[in-house]
Amino acid sequence: MFGSDVPVGSAPSCTTYSALLVTPPNAFQSVQLTAQVPGCSGLRVSPVYAGTGGGGG
């Protein structure tokens, strides 16, 4: 997941998401996670992959 904390255009501040709803791989139920995630330009969500490489994009 990627977000930005830089306001866009003439916006004085950003929306902050206070929670995320996550469905883990191979699961049928979602889990709500408390978070403080900035969303100035919206959020980009990518799939979750097994491993330690990280890397998003």
C-alpha atoms as a PDB file:
ATOM      1  CA  MET A   1       0.000   0.000   0.000  1.00  0.00           C
ATOM      2  CA  PHE A   2       1.283   3.421  -0.890  1.00  0.00           C
ATOM      3  CA  GLY A   3       0.087   6.881   0.042  1.00  0.00           C
ATOM      4  CA  SER A   4       1.391  10.426   0.045  1.00  0.00           C
ATOM      5  CA  ASP A   5       1.599  13.012   2.820  1.00  0.00           C
ATOM      6  CA  VAL A   6       2.041  15.936   0.413  1.00  0.00           C
ATOM      7  CA  PRO A   7      -1.134  18.005  -0.151  1.00  0.00           C
ATOM      8  CA  VAL A   8      -2.266  18.211  -3.778  1.00  0.00           C
ATOM      9  CA  GLY A   9      -3.043  21.500  -5.517  1.00  0.00           C
ATOM     10  CA  SER A  10      -4.349  24.161  -3.117  1.00  0.00           C
ATOM     11  CA  ALA A  11      -5.399  21.687  -0.388  1.00  0.00           C
ATOM     12  CA  PRO A  12      -4.105  22.852   3.016  1.00  0.00           C
ATOM     13  CA  SER A  13      -3.896  19.325   4.449  1.00  0.00           C
ATOM     14  CA  CYS A  14      -4.498  15.664   3.676  1.00  0.00           C
ATOM     15  CA  THR A  15      -7.160  13.149   4.546  1.00  0.00           C
ATOM     16  CA  THR A  16      -5.933  10.650   7.124  1.00  0.00           C
ATOM     17  CA  TYR A  17      -7.272   7.106   7.095  1.00  0.00           C
ATOM     18  CA  SER A  18      -7.681   5.812  10.647  1.00  0.00           C
ATOM     19  CA  ALA A  19      -8.164   2.131   9.814  1.00  0.00           C
ATOM     20  CA  LEU A  20      -7.572  -0.385   7.055  1.00  0.00           C
ATOM     21  CA  LEU A  21      -9.614  -3.461   6.209  1.00  0.00           C
ATOM     22  CA  VAL A  22      -7.232  -6.244   5.171  1.00  0.00           C
ATOM     23  CA  THR A  23      -8.001  -9.703   3.829  1.00  0.00           C
ATOM     24  CA  PRO A  24      -4.880 -11.880   4.226  1.00  0.00           C
ATOM     25  CA  PRO A  25      -3.906 -14.289   1.427  1.00  0.00           C
ATOM     26  CA  ASN A  26      -5.892 -17.555   1.476  1.00  0.00           C
ATOM     27  CA  ALA A  27      -8.316 -16.130   4.052  1.00  0.00           C
ATOM     28  CA  PHE A  28     -12.047 -15.547   3.799  1.00  0.00           C
ATOM     29  CA  GLN A  29     -12.412 -13.036   6.624  1.00  0.00           C
ATOM     30  CA  SER A  30     -11.029  -9.517   6.736  1.00  0.00           C
ATOM     31  CA  VAL A  31      -9.260  -7.958   9.698  1.00  0.00           C
ATOM     32  CA  GLN A  32      -9.535  -4.279  10.635  1.00  0.00           C
ATOM     33  CA  LEU A  33      -6.191  -2.694  11.491  1.00  0.00           C
ATOM     34  CA  THR A  34      -5.892   0.624  13.301  1.00  0.00           C
ATOM     35  CA  ALA A  35      -3.539   2.934  11.411  1.00  0.00           C
ATOM     36  CA  GLN A  36      -2.790   6.582  10.691  1.00  0.00           C
ATOM     37  CA  VAL A  37      -2.167   6.606   6.947  1.00  0.00           C
ATOM     38  CA  PRO A  38      -1.995   9.851   4.954  1.00  0.00           C
ATOM     39  CA  GLY A  39      -3.991   9.859   1.754  1.00  0.00           C
ATOM     40  CA  CYS A  40      -3.244  13.128  -0.028  1.00  0.00           C
ATOM     41  CA  SER A  41      -3.401  11.551  -3.456  1.00  0.00           C
ATOM     42  CA  GLY A  42      -5.496   8.533  -2.525  1.00  0.00           C
ATOM     43  CA  LEU A  43      -4.108   5.139  -1.641  1.00  0.00           C
ATOM     44  CA  ARG A  44      -2.607   2.612  -4.007  1.00  0.00           C
ATOM     45  CA  VAL A  45      -3.030  -0.995  -2.997  1.00  0.00           C
ATOM     46  CA  SER A  46      -0.979  -3.850  -4.379  1.00  0.00           C
ATOM     47  CA  PRO A  47      -1.228  -7.618  -3.869  1.00  0.00           C
ATOM     48  CA  VAL A  48       0.610  -9.316  -1.015  1.00  0.00           C
ATOM     49  CA  TYR A  49       3.271 -11.839  -1.971  1.00  0.00           C
ATOM     50  CA  ALA A  50       5.161 -14.314   0.199  1.00  0.00           C
ATOM     51  CA  GLY A  51       8.842 -13.627   0.767  1.00  0.00           C
ATOM     52  CA  THR A  52      11.217 -11.047   2.179  1.00  0.00           C
ATOM     53  CA  GLY A  53      11.924  -8.988  -0.942  1.00  0.00           C
ATOM     54  CA  GLY A  54       9.444  -6.227  -0.193  1.00  0.00           C
ATOM     55  CA  GLY A  55       9.487  -3.926  -3.100  1.00  0.00           C
ATOM     56  CA  GLY A  56       6.171  -2.332  -4.001  1.00  0.00           C
ATOM     57  CA  GLY A  57       5.453  -0.392  -6.977  1.00  0.00           C
END
